[in-house]
N, C-alpha and C. Protein backbone atom coordinates (compact mmCIF):
# COMPACT_ATOMS: atom_id res chain seq x y z
N MET A 1 0.83 -1.16 0.08
CA MET A 1 -0.01 0.03 -0.03
C MET A 1 0.88 1.25 -0.03
N THR A 2 0.57 2.18 -0.87
CA THR A 2 1.41 3.41 -0.98
C THR A 2 0.96 4.40 0.18
N LYS A 3 1.83 5.33 0.36
CA LYS A 3 1.55 6.32 1.38
C LYS A 3 0.17 7.05 1.08
N ALA A 4 -0.01 7.34 -0.15
CA ALA A 4 -1.22 7.98 -0.56
C ALA A 4 -2.45 7.18 -0.29
N GLU A 5 -2.32 5.86 -0.60
CA GLU A 5 -3.44 4.98 -0.27
C GLU A 5 -3.75 4.81 1.19
N ARG A 6 -2.64 4.66 1.98
CA ARG A 6 -2.83 4.66 3.41
C ARG A 6 -3.37 5.89 4.00
N LYS A 7 -3.01 7.02 3.46
CA LYS A 7 -3.55 8.31 3.96
C LYS A 7 -5.04 8.41 3.65
N SER A 8 -5.36 7.96 2.39
CA SER A 8 -6.81 7.94 1.94
C SER A 8 -7.67 7.06 2.86
N LEU A 9 -7.09 5.90 3.09
CA LEU A 9 -7.85 4.82 3.89
C LEU A 9 -8.01 5.43 5.32
N TRP A 10 -7.05 6.08 5.89
CA TRP A 10 -7.22 6.57 7.34
C TRP A 10 -8.14 7.88 7.35
N GLU A 11 -8.10 8.63 6.25
CA GLU A 11 -9.07 9.78 6.19
C GLU A 11 -10.48 9.21 6.20
N THR A 12 -10.70 8.15 5.47
CA THR A 12 -12.04 7.49 5.47
C THR A 12 -12.42 6.98 6.85
N ARG A 13 -11.42 6.25 7.48
CA ARG A 13 -11.68 5.71 8.79
C ARG A 13 -11.94 6.77 9.82
N VAL A 14 -11.19 7.87 9.77
CA VAL A 14 -11.36 8.95 10.76
C VAL A 14 -12.78 9.57 10.59
N ALA A 15 -13.17 9.78 9.37
CA ALA A 15 -14.50 10.30 9.03
C ALA A 15 -15.59 9.38 9.57
N GLN A 16 -15.39 8.06 9.37
CA GLN A 16 -16.40 7.12 9.85
C GLN A 16 -16.42 7.06 11.40
N TYR A 17 -15.28 7.21 12.08
CA TYR A 17 -15.25 7.20 13.49
C TYR A 17 -15.95 8.46 14.05
N ARG A 18 -15.65 9.57 13.44
CA ARG A 18 -16.30 10.85 13.84
C ARG A 18 -17.87 10.79 13.73
N ALA A 19 -18.26 10.24 12.57
CA ALA A 19 -19.76 10.09 12.33
C ALA A 19 -20.42 9.14 13.16
N SER A 20 -19.72 8.19 13.70
CA SER A 20 -20.30 7.11 14.50
C SER A 20 -20.82 7.57 15.81
N GLY A 21 -20.22 8.57 16.42
CA GLY A 21 -20.62 8.98 17.78
C GLY A 21 -20.23 8.06 18.89
N GLN A 22 -19.46 7.03 18.57
CA GLN A 22 -18.98 6.05 19.49
C GLN A 22 -17.70 6.52 20.16
N SER A 23 -17.38 5.90 21.26
CA SER A 23 -16.05 6.25 21.89
C SER A 23 -14.95 5.53 21.03
N ALA A 24 -13.71 6.01 21.18
CA ALA A 24 -12.74 5.40 20.38
C ALA A 24 -12.50 3.99 20.61
N SER A 25 -12.55 3.51 21.83
CA SER A 25 -12.36 2.14 22.10
C SER A 25 -13.42 1.23 21.54
N VAL A 26 -14.63 1.67 21.55
CA VAL A 26 -15.77 0.86 21.03
C VAL A 26 -15.66 0.79 19.45
N TRP A 27 -15.40 1.97 18.85
CA TRP A 27 -15.39 2.06 17.36
C TRP A 27 -14.15 1.16 16.93
N CYS A 28 -13.06 1.31 17.56
CA CYS A 28 -11.88 0.58 17.15
C CYS A 28 -12.04 -0.98 17.30
N ALA A 29 -12.72 -1.41 18.36
CA ALA A 29 -12.99 -2.84 18.57
C ALA A 29 -13.88 -3.35 17.45
N GLU A 30 -14.96 -2.53 17.10
CA GLU A 30 -15.84 -2.98 16.06
C GLU A 30 -15.21 -2.96 14.68
N ASN A 31 -14.27 -2.12 14.48
CA ASN A 31 -13.60 -1.99 13.21
C ASN A 31 -12.26 -2.68 13.14
N LYS A 32 -11.86 -3.43 14.22
CA LYS A 32 -10.58 -4.05 14.25
C LYS A 32 -9.46 -3.20 13.93
N VAL A 33 -9.44 -2.02 14.65
CA VAL A 33 -8.36 -1.06 14.47
C VAL A 33 -7.79 -0.74 15.80
N SER A 34 -6.51 -0.56 15.84
CA SER A 34 -5.83 -0.21 17.13
C SER A 34 -6.26 1.26 17.54
N VAL A 35 -6.56 1.42 18.81
CA VAL A 35 -6.83 2.77 19.35
C VAL A 35 -5.71 3.68 19.13
N CYS A 36 -4.47 3.22 19.30
CA CYS A 36 -3.25 3.98 19.15
C CYS A 36 -3.25 4.43 17.72
N GLN A 37 -3.49 3.57 16.75
CA GLN A 37 -3.47 4.02 15.35
C GLN A 37 -4.53 5.08 15.10
N LEU A 38 -5.69 4.95 15.58
CA LEU A 38 -6.71 5.98 15.48
C LEU A 38 -6.26 7.30 16.01
N TYR A 39 -5.73 7.34 17.22
CA TYR A 39 -5.25 8.53 17.75
C TYR A 39 -4.20 9.15 17.04
N TYR A 40 -3.26 8.32 16.48
CA TYR A 40 -2.14 8.80 15.65
C TYR A 40 -2.68 9.50 14.44
N TRP A 41 -3.63 8.98 13.82
CA TRP A 41 -4.24 9.53 12.60
C TRP A 41 -5.08 10.85 12.90
N LEU A 42 -5.78 10.77 14.07
CA LEU A 42 -6.47 12.06 14.49
C LEU A 42 -5.55 13.10 14.76
N LYS A 43 -4.45 12.88 15.37
CA LYS A 43 -3.44 13.89 15.70
C LYS A 43 -2.70 14.31 14.41
N LYS A 44 -2.39 13.38 13.58
CA LYS A 44 -1.70 13.75 12.32
C LYS A 44 -2.59 14.63 11.39
N ASN A 45 -3.77 14.42 11.44
CA ASN A 45 -4.77 15.24 10.66
C ASN A 45 -5.22 16.53 11.34
N GLY A 46 -4.53 16.78 12.43
CA GLY A 46 -4.76 18.07 13.15
C GLY A 46 -6.06 18.12 13.96
N ALA A 47 -6.67 16.95 14.30
CA ALA A 47 -7.88 16.86 14.96
C ALA A 47 -7.72 17.54 16.40
N GLN A 48 -8.66 18.27 16.72
CA GLN A 48 -8.75 18.87 18.04
C GLN A 48 -9.61 18.06 18.91
N PRO A 49 -9.24 17.96 20.26
CA PRO A 49 -10.12 17.24 21.11
C PRO A 49 -11.53 17.73 21.10
N ALA A 50 -12.48 16.87 21.10
CA ALA A 50 -13.87 17.29 21.11
C ALA A 50 -14.32 17.65 22.51
N TRP A 51 -15.13 18.66 22.65
CA TRP A 51 -15.73 19.05 23.94
C TRP A 51 -16.85 18.07 24.20
N ILE A 52 -16.89 17.62 25.40
CA ILE A 52 -18.05 16.66 25.76
C ILE A 52 -18.96 17.40 26.77
N PRO A 53 -20.16 17.03 26.76
CA PRO A 53 -21.13 17.70 27.60
C PRO A 53 -20.78 17.30 29.08
N VAL A 54 -20.93 18.28 29.96
CA VAL A 54 -20.67 18.07 31.33
C VAL A 54 -22.03 18.41 32.16
N GLU A 55 -22.45 17.52 32.95
CA GLU A 55 -23.63 17.74 33.74
C GLU A 55 -23.28 18.13 35.13
N ILE A 56 -23.73 19.22 35.65
CA ILE A 56 -23.52 19.56 37.07
C ILE A 56 -24.84 19.49 37.79
N GLN A 57 -24.80 18.70 38.80
CA GLN A 57 -26.01 18.44 39.58
C GLN A 57 -25.89 19.05 40.92
N GLY A 58 -26.94 19.63 41.41
CA GLY A 58 -27.01 20.16 42.73
C GLY A 58 -26.40 21.55 42.88
N SER A 59 -26.30 22.03 44.02
CA SER A 59 -25.83 23.35 44.31
C SER A 59 -24.37 23.15 45.00
N TYR A 60 -23.35 23.77 44.37
CA TYR A 60 -22.04 23.51 44.89
C TYR A 60 -21.40 24.87 45.29
N GLY A 61 -20.83 24.92 46.45
CA GLY A 61 -20.11 26.05 46.78
C GLY A 61 -18.65 26.06 46.26
N GLU A 62 -17.75 26.62 46.95
CA GLU A 62 -16.43 26.59 46.51
C GLU A 62 -15.66 25.30 46.88
N SER A 63 -16.43 24.45 47.71
CA SER A 63 -15.67 23.27 48.23
C SER A 63 -15.49 22.07 47.34
N SER A 64 -16.52 21.79 46.49
CA SER A 64 -16.39 20.71 45.58
C SER A 64 -17.32 20.78 44.37
N LEU A 65 -17.07 19.97 43.39
CA LEU A 65 -17.89 19.98 42.16
C LEU A 65 -17.80 18.56 41.65
N CYS A 66 -18.93 18.00 41.17
CA CYS A 66 -18.99 16.68 40.61
C CYS A 66 -19.06 16.79 39.10
N VAL A 67 -18.07 16.17 38.42
CA VAL A 67 -18.03 16.10 36.93
C VAL A 67 -18.30 14.66 36.45
N ARG A 68 -19.23 14.50 35.60
CA ARG A 68 -19.57 13.19 35.10
C ARG A 68 -19.12 13.13 33.61
N VAL A 69 -18.33 12.04 33.34
CA VAL A 69 -17.89 11.72 32.01
C VAL A 69 -18.26 10.25 31.65
N GLY A 70 -19.30 10.10 30.85
CA GLY A 70 -19.95 8.80 30.59
C GLY A 70 -20.49 8.26 31.98
N ARG A 71 -20.10 7.09 32.36
CA ARG A 71 -20.61 6.52 33.61
C ARG A 71 -19.80 6.95 34.83
N ALA A 72 -18.64 7.65 34.59
CA ALA A 72 -17.76 7.91 35.70
C ALA A 72 -18.04 9.34 36.28
N ALA A 73 -17.83 9.42 37.60
CA ALA A 73 -18.02 10.72 38.27
C ALA A 73 -16.66 11.09 38.93
N ILE A 74 -16.35 12.41 38.81
CA ILE A 74 -15.10 12.88 39.41
C ILE A 74 -15.49 13.98 40.35
N GLU A 75 -15.09 13.88 41.61
CA GLU A 75 -15.26 15.01 42.53
C GLU A 75 -14.03 15.85 42.53
N VAL A 76 -14.27 17.13 42.20
CA VAL A 76 -13.28 18.14 42.15
C VAL A 76 -13.38 19.13 43.32
N LYS A 77 -12.30 19.21 44.12
CA LYS A 77 -12.33 20.13 45.27
C LYS A 77 -11.45 21.29 44.95
N ALA A 78 -11.63 22.32 45.77
CA ALA A 78 -10.94 23.59 45.64
C ALA A 78 -9.44 23.27 45.71
N GLY A 79 -8.61 23.92 44.83
CA GLY A 79 -7.18 23.72 44.85
C GLY A 79 -6.79 22.54 44.00
N PHE A 80 -7.62 22.03 43.10
CA PHE A 80 -7.29 20.80 42.24
C PHE A 80 -6.22 21.28 41.18
N ASP A 81 -5.59 20.30 40.65
CA ASP A 81 -4.55 20.53 39.64
C ASP A 81 -5.25 20.41 38.30
N PRO A 82 -5.39 21.55 37.53
CA PRO A 82 -6.15 21.51 36.25
C PRO A 82 -5.59 20.56 35.20
N GLU A 83 -4.27 20.45 35.12
CA GLU A 83 -3.63 19.59 34.22
C GLU A 83 -3.89 18.08 34.52
N HIS A 84 -3.99 17.73 35.81
CA HIS A 84 -4.34 16.37 36.20
C HIS A 84 -5.75 16.10 35.86
N LEU A 85 -6.71 17.00 36.10
CA LEU A 85 -8.07 16.81 35.75
C LEU A 85 -8.20 16.63 34.23
N LEU A 86 -7.49 17.41 33.49
CA LEU A 86 -7.62 17.27 32.03
C LEU A 86 -7.15 15.94 31.48
N LYS A 87 -6.14 15.33 32.15
CA LYS A 87 -5.63 14.02 31.76
C LYS A 87 -6.66 12.99 32.16
N VAL A 88 -7.25 13.13 33.31
CA VAL A 88 -8.31 12.16 33.78
C VAL A 88 -9.48 12.22 32.80
N VAL A 89 -9.93 13.40 32.48
CA VAL A 89 -11.11 13.50 31.60
C VAL A 89 -10.82 12.95 30.26
N GLN A 90 -9.59 13.20 29.70
CA GLN A 90 -9.26 12.64 28.37
C GLN A 90 -9.18 11.18 28.45
N THR A 91 -8.67 10.58 29.50
CA THR A 91 -8.61 9.14 29.58
C THR A 91 -10.02 8.48 29.70
N LEU A 92 -10.85 9.12 30.50
CA LEU A 92 -12.28 8.65 30.67
C LEU A 92 -12.95 8.72 29.38
N THR A 93 -12.74 9.80 28.60
CA THR A 93 -13.46 10.05 27.31
C THR A 93 -13.03 9.02 26.36
N ALA A 94 -11.81 8.56 26.40
CA ALA A 94 -11.28 7.52 25.43
C ALA A 94 -11.94 6.09 25.82
N LEU A 95 -12.18 5.92 27.13
CA LEU A 95 -12.68 4.69 27.63
C LEU A 95 -14.17 4.53 27.63
N CYS A 96 -14.86 5.63 27.76
CA CYS A 96 -16.38 5.59 27.94
C CYS A 96 -17.09 5.69 26.65
């Protein structure tokens, strides 16, 4: 397979993944593609991370916040590390 053919194949796969609405892990399992390969081609094509909806329940003061990503819930307290939270949310997004 030439570079051009491989690029065209992955452009098609990336478009199908995006249109599916599925998580990367589910889509890759169904299409027999490595998650690492998908992320590589997403990054190579300049894909930006997608924003996901966040549901905030209840009334929260400055002490804590509950963030839900898929089935997972994260309690965020005052003084949290934003970079660490970002990595956790990205990991959960890939898995959920």
